[in-house]
Amino acid sequence: MKLGIVTGRVVSTKKVPSFEGIKLLLVQPVDEHLVPSGDPLVAFDTIQSGTGDLIYYETSKEAGRVMETLMNPCDAAIVGIVDQIDLKDKG
């Protein structure tokens, strides 16, 4: 799983039938220190997250498994909201 911050919403007027009714959000990948780490991506929101939420998401084949229809072209899906990150001091 990967960390990200929801930065906005994507609107699509036409979708494949398996995506009807599912919200699309723009996600900025971040590292464990919340520093951006890569290009933003579009992810399906399966948990009712919103702009500003720190989330974790899955990509590739695993992302499609969270959808009701298993055979779908989903590349990224939000699967949880992060409440807290605890890092051990490396000193």
C-alpha atoms as a PDB file:
ATOM      1  CA  MET A   1       0.000   0.000   0.000  1.00  0.00           C
ATOM      2  CA  LYS A   2       1.059   3.560  -0.636  1.00  0.00           C
ATOM      3  CA  LEU A   3       0.453   6.884   1.135  1.00  0.00           C
ATOM      4  CA  GLY A   4      -1.129   9.893  -0.521  1.00  0.00           C
ATOM      5  CA  ILE A   5      -2.996  13.124   0.106  1.00  0.00           C
ATOM      6  CA  VAL A   6      -6.270  13.823  -1.684  1.00  0.00           C
ATOM      7  CA  THR A   7      -5.825  17.128  -3.519  1.00  0.00           C
ATOM      8  CA  GLY A   8      -8.997  17.371  -5.554  1.00  0.00           C
ATOM      9  CA  ARG A   9     -11.806  15.733  -7.458  1.00  0.00           C
ATOM     10  CA  VAL A  10     -11.996  14.534 -11.064  1.00  0.00           C
ATOM     11  CA  VAL A  11     -15.290  14.710 -12.952  1.00  0.00           C
ATOM     12  CA  SER A  12     -16.032  12.280 -15.768  1.00  0.00           C
ATOM     13  CA  THR A  13     -19.306  12.418 -17.680  1.00  0.00           C
ATOM     14  CA  LYS A  14     -18.776   9.092 -19.453  1.00  0.00           C
ATOM     15  CA  LYS A  15     -17.436   5.963 -17.764  1.00  0.00           C
ATOM     16  CA  VAL A  16     -17.381   2.242 -18.348  1.00  0.00           C
ATOM     17  CA  PRO A  17     -20.421   0.620 -16.693  1.00  0.00           C
ATOM     18  CA  SER A  18     -18.405  -0.896 -13.822  1.00  0.00           C
ATOM     19  CA  PHE A  19     -17.343   2.635 -12.736  1.00  0.00           C
ATOM     20  CA  GLU A  20     -20.811   4.221 -12.644  1.00  0.00           C
ATOM     21  CA  GLY A  21     -21.499   5.933  -9.321  1.00  0.00           C
ATOM     22  CA  ILE A  22     -17.896   5.801  -8.082  1.00  0.00           C
ATOM     23  CA  LYS A  23     -16.132   9.057  -7.161  1.00  0.00           C
ATOM     24  CA  LEU A  24     -12.753   9.856  -8.757  1.00  0.00           C
ATOM     25  CA  LEU A  25     -10.190  11.778  -6.693  1.00  0.00           C
ATOM     26  CA  LEU A  26      -6.818  13.319  -7.482  1.00  0.00           C
ATOM     27  CA  VAL A  27      -4.117  11.940  -5.165  1.00  0.00           C
ATOM     28  CA  GLN A  28      -0.590  13.238  -4.546  1.00  0.00           C
ATOM     29  CA  PRO A  29       1.677  10.341  -3.488  1.00  0.00           C
ATOM     30  CA  VAL A  30       3.755  11.129  -0.380  1.00  0.00           C
ATOM     31  CA  ASP A  31       6.438   9.395   1.681  1.00  0.00           C
ATOM     32  CA  GLU A  32       6.207   8.638   5.411  1.00  0.00           C
ATOM     33  CA  HIS A  33       7.233  12.255   6.164  1.00  0.00           C
ATOM     34  CA  LEU A  34       4.391  13.549   3.933  1.00  0.00           C
ATOM     35  CA  VAL A  35       6.834  14.856   1.323  1.00  0.00           C
ATOM     36  CA  PRO A  36       5.477  14.544  -2.245  1.00  0.00           C
ATOM     37  CA  SER A  37       7.022  11.553  -4.003  1.00  0.00           C
ATOM     38  CA  GLY A  38       5.894  11.304  -7.579  1.00  0.00           C
ATOM     39  CA  ASP A  39       3.289  12.578  -9.975  1.00  0.00           C
ATOM     40  CA  PRO A  40      -0.362  12.960  -8.940  1.00  0.00           C
ATOM     41  CA  LEU A  41      -2.738  10.197 -10.012  1.00  0.00           C
ATOM     42  CA  VAL A  42      -6.467   9.582 -10.281  1.00  0.00           C
ATOM     43  CA  ALA A  43      -7.871   6.997  -7.876  1.00  0.00           C
ATOM     44  CA  PHE A  44     -11.302   5.561  -7.227  1.00  0.00           C
ATOM     45  CA  ASP A  45     -12.662   6.489  -3.820  1.00  0.00           C
ATOM     46  CA  THR A  46     -14.136   3.411  -2.151  1.00  0.00           C
ATOM     47  CA  ILE A  47     -14.304   4.865   1.387  1.00  0.00           C
ATOM     48  CA  GLN A  48     -15.781   8.395   1.105  1.00  0.00           C
ATOM     49  CA  SER A  49     -12.522  10.291   1.619  1.00  0.00           C
ATOM     50  CA  GLY A  50     -12.214  13.948   0.681  1.00  0.00           C
ATOM     51  CA  THR A  51      -9.831  16.768  -0.171  1.00  0.00           C
ATOM     52  CA  GLY A  52      -7.032  17.091   2.376  1.00  0.00           C
ATOM     53  CA  ASP A  53      -7.338  13.540   3.736  1.00  0.00           C
ATOM     54  CA  LEU A  54      -4.187  11.479   4.230  1.00  0.00           C
ATOM     55  CA  ILE A  55      -5.052   8.136   2.674  1.00  0.00           C
ATOM     56  CA  TYR A  56      -3.505   4.864   1.654  1.00  0.00           C
ATOM     57  CA  TYR A  57      -4.171   3.433  -1.754  1.00  0.00           C
ATOM     58  CA  GLU A  58      -3.413   0.428  -3.867  1.00  0.00           C
ATOM     59  CA  THR A  59      -2.428   0.308  -7.528  1.00  0.00           C
ATOM     60  CA  SER A  60      -2.285  -2.233 -10.314  1.00  0.00           C
ATOM     61  CA  LYS A  61      -4.192  -5.516 -10.187  1.00  0.00           C
ATOM     62  CA  GLU A  62      -4.825  -5.176  -6.446  1.00  0.00           C
ATOM     63  CA  ALA A  63      -6.709  -1.893  -6.969  1.00  0.00           C
ATOM     64  CA  GLY A  64      -9.316  -3.590  -9.129  1.00  0.00           C
ATOM     65  CA  ARG A  65     -10.077  -6.124  -6.412  1.00  0.00           C
ATOM     66  CA  VAL A  66     -11.767  -3.536  -4.196  1.00  0.00           C
ATOM     67  CA  MET A  67     -14.414  -2.896  -6.860  1.00  0.00           C
ATOM     68  CA  GLU A  68     -17.695  -4.788  -6.924  1.00  0.00           C
ATOM     69  CA  THR A  69     -16.972  -6.053 -10.433  1.00  0.00           C
ATOM     70  CA  LEU A  70     -13.639  -7.900 -10.275  1.00  0.00           C
ATOM     71  CA  MET A  71     -12.906  -7.628 -14.004  1.00  0.00           C
ATOM     72  CA  ASN A  72     -12.459  -3.869 -14.450  1.00  0.00           C
ATOM     73  CA  PRO A  73      -9.775  -1.465 -15.733  1.00  0.00           C
ATOM     74  CA  CYS A  74      -9.092   0.200 -12.333  1.00  0.00           C
ATOM     75  CA  ASP A  75      -5.466   1.371 -11.908  1.00  0.00           C
ATOM     76  CA  ALA A  76      -5.653   2.958  -8.436  1.00  0.00           C
ATOM     77  CA  ALA A  77      -8.138   2.770  -5.547  1.00  0.00           C
ATOM     78  CA  ILE A  78      -8.240   4.492  -2.172  1.00  0.00           C
ATOM     79  CA  VAL A  79      -8.697   1.828   0.498  1.00  0.00           C
ATOM     80  CA  GLY A  80      -8.234   3.657   3.815  1.00  0.00           C
ATOM     81  CA  ILE A  81      -7.870   6.946   5.674  1.00  0.00           C
ATOM     82  CA  VAL A  82      -4.730   7.317   7.809  1.00  0.00           C
ATOM     83  CA  ASP A  83      -5.416   8.490  11.365  1.00  0.00           C
ATOM     84  CA  GLN A  84      -1.822   8.618  12.578  1.00  0.00           C
ATOM     85  CA  ILE A  85       1.751   7.834  11.553  1.00  0.00           C
ATOM     86  CA  ASP A  86       4.255   6.871  14.250  1.00  0.00           C
ATOM     87  CA  LEU A  87       7.924   6.812  13.235  1.00  0.00           C
ATOM     88  CA  LYS A  88      10.713   5.442  15.405  1.00  0.00           C
ATOM     89  CA  ASP A  89      13.562   7.852  16.022  1.00  0.00           C
ATOM     90  CA  LYS A  90      16.622   6.602  14.102  1.00  0.00           C
ATOM     91  CA  GLY A  91      19.048   8.315  16.504  1.00  0.00           C
END
